[in-house]
Amino acid sequence: MHGVVEPVLDDVNKLIIEQLQRDGRLSYAALAKIVGLSEAAVRQRVQRLLDGGVMQIVAVTDPLMLGFARQVMIGIKVTGDLRAAADAIAAIPEVDYVVICAGGYDLLVELVCTDDDHLLHLLNDTIRTVPGVTATETFVYLKLAKQTYAWGTR
């Protein structure tokens, strides 16, 4: 059965994750003081969390500030293998988010584009040509009201 994988996280690893969700630039020395371990121990724990795919440390940017004037979410209906369609769409460089979901759409896909011509090209020539894609609906972002990554651990 496929589902949510419950990684074995002790309280120290959870605290490390929560601190890095707040500020991914925290030094190992600062983390060590917060969690009460040596810098070397924290470095090893962070590396294990990264290697295990439990977390990533990335720079979050504002696409508008980087020259990407159009951001959209696309609802996609698919026939056949959802995973194959999701993998094909995920391979498109401008796609930054792909979710297989239940409801009115089979996939939700977020795109970051330079302009409307770029969006039209991606929709018409790339996404709609993926085998199994039968319909798309595009939701244009007007303003990003909230985006957070600090949801903590359980």
C-alpha atoms as a PDB file:
ATOM      1  CA  MET A   1       0.000   0.000   0.000  1.00  0.00           C
ATOM      2  CA  HIS A   2       1.269   3.469  -0.904  1.00  0.00           C
ATOM      3  CA  GLY A   3       0.583   6.342   1.442  1.00  0.00           C
ATOM      4  CA  VAL A   4       2.156   8.747   3.838  1.00  0.00           C
ATOM      5  CA  VAL A   5       5.537   7.506   4.944  1.00  0.00           C
ATOM      6  CA  GLU A   6       6.122   8.228   8.605  1.00  0.00           C
ATOM      7  CA  PRO A   7       9.843   8.917   8.963  1.00  0.00           C
ATOM      8  CA  VAL A   8      11.307   8.176  12.336  1.00  0.00           C
ATOM      9  CA  LEU A   9      11.937  11.624  13.712  1.00  0.00           C
ATOM     10  CA  ASP A  10      12.991  12.186  17.270  1.00  0.00           C
ATOM     11  CA  ASP A  11      12.335  15.460  19.069  1.00  0.00           C
ATOM     12  CA  VAL A  12      15.763  16.847  18.143  1.00  0.00           C
ATOM     13  CA  ASN A  13      15.260  16.225  14.411  1.00  0.00           C
ATOM     14  CA  LYS A  14      11.811  17.814  14.629  1.00  0.00           C
ATOM     15  CA  LEU A  15      13.291  20.867  16.319  1.00  0.00           C
ATOM     16  CA  ILE A  16      16.018  21.117  13.661  1.00  0.00           C
ATOM     17  CA  ILE A  17      13.396  20.949  10.897  1.00  0.00           C
ATOM     18  CA  GLU A  18      11.193  23.562  12.565  1.00  0.00           C
ATOM     19  CA  GLN A  19      14.137  25.933  13.001  1.00  0.00           C
ATOM     20  CA  LEU A  20      15.224  25.514   9.373  1.00  0.00           C
ATOM     21  CA  GLN A  21      11.635  26.067   8.191  1.00  0.00           C
ATOM     22  CA  ARG A  22      11.793  29.459   9.894  1.00  0.00           C
ATOM     23  CA  ASP A  23      15.292  30.305   8.637  1.00  0.00           C
ATOM     24  CA  GLY A  24      17.058  27.961   6.230  1.00  0.00           C
ATOM     25  CA  ARG A  25      20.268  29.992   6.620  1.00  0.00           C
ATOM     26  CA  LEU A  26      20.823  29.112  10.280  1.00  0.00           C
ATOM     27  CA  SER A  27      24.376  27.968  10.858  1.00  0.00           C
ATOM     28  CA  TYR A  28      25.169  24.584  12.330  1.00  0.00           C
ATOM     29  CA  ALA A  29      26.598  26.408  15.353  1.00  0.00           C
ATOM     30  CA  ALA A  30      23.336  28.309  15.924  1.00  0.00           C
ATOM     31  CA  LEU A  31      21.287  25.128  15.484  1.00  0.00           C
ATOM     32  CA  ALA A  32      23.580  23.290  17.907  1.00  0.00           C
ATOM     33  CA  LYS A  33      22.910  25.891  20.623  1.00  0.00           C
ATOM     34  CA  ILE A  34      19.157  25.668  20.078  1.00  0.00           C
ATOM     35  CA  VAL A  35      18.944  21.858  20.138  1.00  0.00           C
ATOM     36  CA  GLY A  36      21.682  21.210  22.707  1.00  0.00           C
ATOM     37  CA  LEU A  37      24.036  19.092  20.599  1.00  0.00           C
ATOM     38  CA  SER A  38      27.494  19.613  19.158  1.00  0.00           C
ATOM     39  CA  GLU A  39      27.880  21.330  15.817  1.00  0.00           C
ATOM     40  CA  ALA A  40      29.194  18.070  14.291  1.00  0.00           C
ATOM     41  CA  ALA A  41      26.148  16.121  15.549  1.00  0.00           C
ATOM     42  CA  VAL A  42      23.779  18.712  14.089  1.00  0.00           C
ATOM     43  CA  ARG A  43      25.638  18.663  10.761  1.00  0.00           C
ATOM     44  CA  GLN A  44      25.266  14.860  10.624  1.00  0.00           C
ATOM     45  CA  ARG A  45      21.550  15.014  11.474  1.00  0.00           C
ATOM     46  CA  VAL A  46      20.865  17.694   8.869  1.00  0.00           C
ATOM     47  CA  GLN A  47      22.755  15.687   6.244  1.00  0.00           C
ATOM     48  CA  ARG A  48      20.741  12.541   7.096  1.00  0.00           C
ATOM     49  CA  LEU A  49      17.485  14.514   6.783  1.00  0.00           C
ATOM     50  CA  LEU A  50      18.601  15.858   3.404  1.00  0.00           C
ATOM     51  CA  ASP A  51      19.881  12.493   2.142  1.00  0.00           C
ATOM     52  CA  GLY A  52      16.691  10.765   3.315  1.00  0.00           C
ATOM     53  CA  GLY A  53      14.489  13.190   1.387  1.00  0.00           C
ATOM     54  CA  VAL A  54      12.783  14.393   4.581  1.00  0.00           C
ATOM     55  CA  MET A  55      13.628  18.010   3.743  1.00  0.00           C
ATOM     56  CA  GLN A  56      15.327  20.313   1.263  1.00  0.00           C
ATOM     57  CA  ILE A  57      16.955  23.653   1.863  1.00  0.00           C
ATOM     58  CA  VAL A  58      16.256  26.026  -1.031  1.00  0.00           C
ATOM     59  CA  ALA A  59      16.023  29.737  -1.795  1.00  0.00           C
ATOM     60  CA  VAL A  60      12.394  30.770  -2.246  1.00  0.00           C
ATOM     61  CA  THR A  61      12.074  33.587  -4.764  1.00  0.00           C
ATOM     62  CA  ASP A  62       9.400  35.916  -6.035  1.00  0.00           C
ATOM     63  CA  PRO A  63       8.916  34.993  -9.710  1.00  0.00           C
ATOM     64  CA  LEU A  64       7.806  38.554 -10.581  1.00  0.00           C
ATOM     65  CA  MET A  65      11.099  39.947  -9.327  1.00  0.00           C
ATOM     66  CA  LEU A  66      12.986  37.495 -11.566  1.00  0.00           C
ATOM     67  CA  GLY A  67      11.196  38.394 -14.807  1.00  0.00           C
ATOM     68  CA  PHE A  68       8.407  35.802 -14.730  1.00  0.00           C
ATOM     69  CA  ALA A  69       5.281  37.912 -15.257  1.00  0.00           C
ATOM     70  CA  ARG A  70       2.776  35.059 -15.457  1.00  0.00           C
ATOM     71  CA  GLN A  71       2.128  32.400 -12.821  1.00  0.00           C
ATOM     72  CA  VAL A  72      -0.762  29.964 -13.210  1.00  0.00           C
ATOM     73  CA  MET A  73      -2.309  26.844 -11.754  1.00  0.00           C
ATOM     74  CA  ILE A  74      -3.681  24.431 -14.332  1.00  0.00           C
ATOM     75  CA  GLY A  75      -6.308  21.795 -13.590  1.00  0.00           C
ATOM     76  CA  ILE A  76      -5.770  18.847 -15.926  1.00  0.00           C
ATOM     77  CA  LYS A  77      -8.033  15.912 -16.779  1.00  0.00           C
ATOM     78  CA  VAL A  78      -6.290  12.721 -17.846  1.00  0.00           C
ATOM     79  CA  THR A  79      -7.304   9.346 -19.214  1.00  0.00           C
ATOM     80  CA  GLY A  80      -5.098   6.340 -18.561  1.00  0.00           C
ATOM     81  CA  ASP A  81      -2.118   6.277 -16.242  1.00  0.00           C
ATOM     82  CA  LEU A  82      -2.075   9.384 -14.039  1.00  0.00           C
ATOM     83  CA  ARG A  83       1.489   8.726 -12.904  1.00  0.00           C
ATOM     84  CA  ALA A  84       2.822   8.668 -16.471  1.00  0.00           C
ATOM     85  CA  ALA A  85       1.093  11.954 -17.319  1.00  0.00           C
ATOM     86  CA  ALA A  86       2.292  13.516 -14.044  1.00  0.00           C
ATOM     87  CA  ASP A  87       5.876  12.405 -14.717  1.00  0.00           C
ATOM     88  CA  ALA A  88       5.807  13.766 -18.281  1.00  0.00           C
ATOM     89  CA  ILE A  89       4.466  17.119 -17.112  1.00  0.00           C
ATOM     90  CA  ALA A  90       6.876  17.257 -14.158  1.00  0.00           C
ATOM     91  CA  ALA A  91       9.756  16.991 -16.648  1.00  0.00           C
ATOM     92  CA  ILE A  92       8.802  20.359 -18.198  1.00  0.00           C
ATOM     93  CA  PRO A  93      11.292  22.925 -16.816  1.00  0.00           C
ATOM     94  CA  GLU A  94       8.706  25.676 -16.264  1.00  0.00           C
ATOM     95  CA  VAL A  95       6.558  23.379 -14.112  1.00  0.00           C
ATOM     96  CA  ASP A  96       7.304  23.819 -10.424  1.00  0.00           C
ATOM     97  CA  TYR A  97       4.459  21.864  -8.823  1.00  0.00           C
ATOM     98  CA  VAL A  98       2.564  18.722  -9.837  1.00  0.00           C
ATOM     99  CA  VAL A  99      -0.046  16.982  -7.710  1.00  0.00           C
ATOM    100  CA  ILE A 100      -2.104  13.910  -8.536  1.00  0.00           C
ATOM    101  CA  CYS A 101      -5.439  14.599  -6.895  1.00  0.00           C
ATOM    102  CA  ALA A 102      -9.075  13.580  -6.536  1.00  0.00           C
ATOM    103  CA  GLY A 103     -11.983  15.792  -7.544  1.00  0.00           C
ATOM    104  CA  GLY A 104     -12.750  17.692 -10.706  1.00  0.00           C
ATOM    105  CA  TYR A 105      -9.186  17.377 -11.995  1.00  0.00           C
ATOM    106  CA  ASP A 106      -6.704  14.540 -12.020  1.00  0.00           C
ATOM    107  CA  LEU A 107      -3.647  16.794 -11.808  1.00  0.00           C
ATOM    108  CA  LEU A 108      -2.914  20.265 -10.498  1.00  0.00           C
ATOM    109  CA  VAL A 109       0.117  21.863 -12.111  1.00  0.00           C
ATOM    110  CA  GLU A 110       1.768  25.202 -11.381  1.00  0.00           C
ATOM    111  CA  LEU A 111       3.675  27.012 -14.131  1.00  0.00           C
ATOM    112  CA  VAL A 112       5.942  30.034 -13.995  1.00  0.00           C
ATOM    113  CA  CYS A 113       6.145  31.837 -17.374  1.00  0.00           C
ATOM    114  CA  THR A 114       7.796  34.949 -18.736  1.00  0.00           C
ATOM    115  CA  ASP A 115       4.614  36.203 -20.428  1.00  0.00           C
ATOM    116  CA  ASP A 116       1.343  35.127 -22.068  1.00  0.00           C
ATOM    117  CA  ASP A 117       3.070  33.942 -25.279  1.00  0.00           C
ATOM    118  CA  HIS A 118       5.248  31.663 -23.173  1.00  0.00           C
ATOM    119  CA  LEU A 119       2.144  30.372 -21.366  1.00  0.00           C
ATOM    120  CA  LEU A 120       0.342  29.747 -24.673  1.00  0.00           C
ATOM    121  CA  HIS A 121       3.323  27.807 -26.003  1.00  0.00           C
ATOM    122  CA  LEU A 122       3.513  25.645 -22.875  1.00  0.00           C
ATOM    123  CA  LEU A 123      -0.220  24.972 -22.835  1.00  0.00           C
ATOM    124  CA  ASN A 124      -0.748  24.362 -26.538  1.00  0.00           C
ATOM    125  CA  ASP A 125       2.522  22.782 -27.629  1.00  0.00           C
ATOM    126  CA  THR A 126       3.700  20.998 -24.504  1.00  0.00           C
ATOM    127  CA  ILE A 127       1.070  20.162 -21.877  1.00  0.00           C
ATOM    128  CA  ARG A 128      -1.858  19.417 -24.197  1.00  0.00           C
ATOM    129  CA  THR A 129       0.347  17.108 -26.278  1.00  0.00           C
ATOM    130  CA  VAL A 130       1.172  14.856 -23.303  1.00  0.00           C
ATOM    131  CA  PRO A 131      -0.433  11.433 -23.901  1.00  0.00           C
ATOM    132  CA  GLY A 132      -3.637  11.061 -21.869  1.00  0.00           C
ATOM    133  CA  VAL A 133      -4.281  14.786 -21.336  1.00  0.00           C
ATOM    134  CA  THR A 134      -7.902  15.411 -22.360  1.00  0.00           C
ATOM    135  CA  ALA A 135      -8.694  18.843 -20.895  1.00  0.00           C
ATOM    136  CA  THR A 136      -7.076  21.764 -19.112  1.00  0.00           C
ATOM    137  CA  GLU A 137      -8.374  24.758 -17.190  1.00  0.00           C
ATOM    138  CA  THR A 138      -6.002  27.601 -16.420  1.00  0.00           C
ATOM    139  CA  PHE A 139      -6.227  29.751 -13.291  1.00  0.00           C
ATOM    140  CA  VAL A 140      -4.147  32.929 -13.633  1.00  0.00           C
ATOM    141  CA  TYR A 141      -2.608  34.239 -10.426  1.00  0.00           C
ATOM    142  CA  LEU A 142      -3.416  37.892  -9.823  1.00  0.00           C
ATOM    143  CA  LYS A 143      -1.702  38.211  -6.436  1.00  0.00           C
ATOM    144  CA  LEU A 144      -0.009  35.795  -4.077  1.00  0.00           C
ATOM    145  CA  ALA A 145      -1.715  36.410  -0.735  1.00  0.00           C
ATOM    146  CA  LYS A 146       0.153  33.806   1.332  1.00  0.00           C
ATOM    147  CA  GLN A 147       2.925  31.291   0.885  1.00  0.00           C
ATOM    148  CA  THR A 148       4.515  29.516   3.827  1.00  0.00           C
ATOM    149  CA  TYR A 149       6.718  26.527   4.438  1.00  0.00           C
ATOM    150  CA  ALA A 150       6.780  26.697   8.240  1.00  0.00           C
ATOM    151  CA  TRP A 151       4.036  24.187   9.067  1.00  0.00           C
ATOM    152  CA  GLY A 152       6.211  22.429  11.609  1.00  0.00           C
ATOM    153  CA  THR A 153       6.316  18.685  12.299  1.00  0.00           C
ATOM    154  CA  ARG A 154       4.108  16.302  14.187  1.00  0.00           C
END
